[in-house]
Amino acid sequence: MARKLSKKQLEQAAVLHVKVQRARSIWLGRCVKFVHLLDDKVKLGCVTEVTDDGTIVVDYQLIPGTDDAPGTMYVPLGCEVGVLMVVGEE
């Protein structure tokens, strides 16, 4: 049986959808730099996905001359401005 959503839930879903679409147009495919929250090192990466629930996915690679392994970082929608900086637009 399908669950009926309340008017408030539908409004929240619509607002989230607009925010996700806006984030996709701003961030998706962009090269970014950021300070990784776990090791406090500057990383370079690319925004590869903005999920429907509002998670920004950044795949990052090694910075030449370091011993860091490539990885993925997840940034919640709304926190990206304080964490990510587009490379080349400083």
Protein backbone atom coordinates (compact mmCIF):
# COMPACT_ATOMS: atom_id res chain seq x y z
CA MET A 1 0.00 0.00 0.00
CA ALA A 2 1.37 3.40 -0.96
CA ARG A 3 2.07 5.79 1.89
CA LYS A 4 0.37 9.15 1.65
CA LEU A 5 2.66 12.13 2.22
CA SER A 6 1.45 15.11 4.22
CA LYS A 7 1.34 18.57 2.69
CA LYS A 8 4.37 19.57 4.80
CA GLN A 9 6.37 16.54 3.60
CA LEU A 10 5.51 17.34 -0.01
CA GLU A 11 6.62 20.96 0.46
CA GLN A 12 9.90 19.83 2.07
CA ALA A 13 10.54 17.41 -0.79
CA ALA A 14 9.89 20.17 -3.35
CA VAL A 15 12.30 22.55 -1.57
CA LEU A 16 14.98 19.84 -1.39
CA HIS A 17 14.51 19.09 -5.10
CA VAL A 18 15.09 22.76 -5.98
CA LYS A 19 18.20 22.92 -3.77
CA VAL A 20 19.60 19.71 -5.30
CA GLN A 21 19.02 20.98 -8.84
CA ARG A 22 20.71 24.28 -7.98
CA ALA A 23 23.69 22.45 -6.43
CA ARG A 24 23.98 20.23 -9.51
CA SER A 25 24.13 23.27 -11.79
CA ILE A 26 26.78 24.91 -9.62
CA TRP A 27 29.00 22.00 -8.57
CA LEU A 28 28.59 18.98 -10.84
CA GLY A 29 31.75 18.30 -12.88
CA ARG A 30 33.69 21.14 -11.26
CA CYS A 31 37.28 20.71 -10.07
CA VAL A 32 37.53 21.71 -6.43
CA LYS A 33 40.06 21.94 -3.65
CA PHE A 34 39.30 21.44 0.00
CA VAL A 35 40.87 20.66 3.33
CA HIS A 36 40.00 17.06 4.16
CA LEU A 37 38.21 16.91 7.49
CA LEU A 38 39.99 13.75 8.69
CA ASP A 39 43.65 14.46 7.95
CA ASP A 40 43.61 18.28 7.62
CA LYS A 41 45.43 18.15 4.24
CA VAL A 42 44.53 20.06 1.07
CA LYS A 43 43.04 17.78 -1.58
CA LEU A 44 42.12 18.31 -5.24
CA GLY A 45 39.10 16.58 -6.66
CA CYS A 46 36.07 16.65 -8.89
CA VAL A 47 32.41 16.78 -7.94
CA THR A 48 31.06 13.61 -9.54
CA GLU A 49 27.54 13.49 -8.14
CA VAL A 50 24.89 15.39 -6.23
CA THR A 51 22.49 12.79 -4.88
CA ASP A 52 18.73 13.24 -4.67
CA ASP A 53 18.99 13.42 -0.87
CA GLY A 54 21.43 16.34 -1.08
CA THR A 55 24.86 14.76 -0.68
CA ILE A 56 27.70 16.20 -2.77
CA VAL A 57 30.19 13.50 -3.78
CA VAL A 58 33.80 14.56 -4.42
CA ASP A 59 36.28 12.06 -5.86
CA TYR A 60 39.81 13.21 -5.19
CA GLN A 61 43.26 12.14 -6.30
CA LEU A 62 46.78 12.40 -5.05
CA ILE A 63 48.53 15.71 -4.93
CA PRO A 64 51.91 15.05 -6.58
CA GLY A 65 54.66 14.48 -4.03
CA THR A 66 52.40 13.16 -1.27
CA ASP A 67 51.68 9.63 -0.13
CA ASP A 68 47.91 10.07 0.13
CA ALA A 69 45.64 7.54 -1.55
CA PRO A 70 42.77 8.62 -3.82
CA GLY A 71 39.35 8.59 -2.22
CA THR A 72 35.87 9.98 -1.97
CA MET A 73 34.45 12.63 0.33
CA TYR A 74 30.77 13.29 0.98
CA VAL A 75 29.63 16.83 1.78
CA PRO A 76 26.07 17.53 2.95
CA LEU A 77 24.13 20.10 0.94
CA GLY A 78 24.35 23.41 2.76
CA CYS A 79 27.92 22.86 3.99
CA GLU A 80 29.62 22.92 0.58
CA VAL A 81 30.31 26.65 0.47
CA GLY A 82 32.43 26.46 3.62
CA VAL A 83 34.25 23.31 2.49
CA LEU A 84 34.73 23.37 -1.31
CA MET A 85 36.53 25.96 -3.43
CA VAL A 86 36.38 25.81 -7.23
CA VAL A 87 39.89 25.52 -8.69
CA GLY A 88 40.82 28.41 -10.94
CA GLU A 89 38.20 30.85 -9.60
CA GLU A 90 40.01 32.21 -6.54
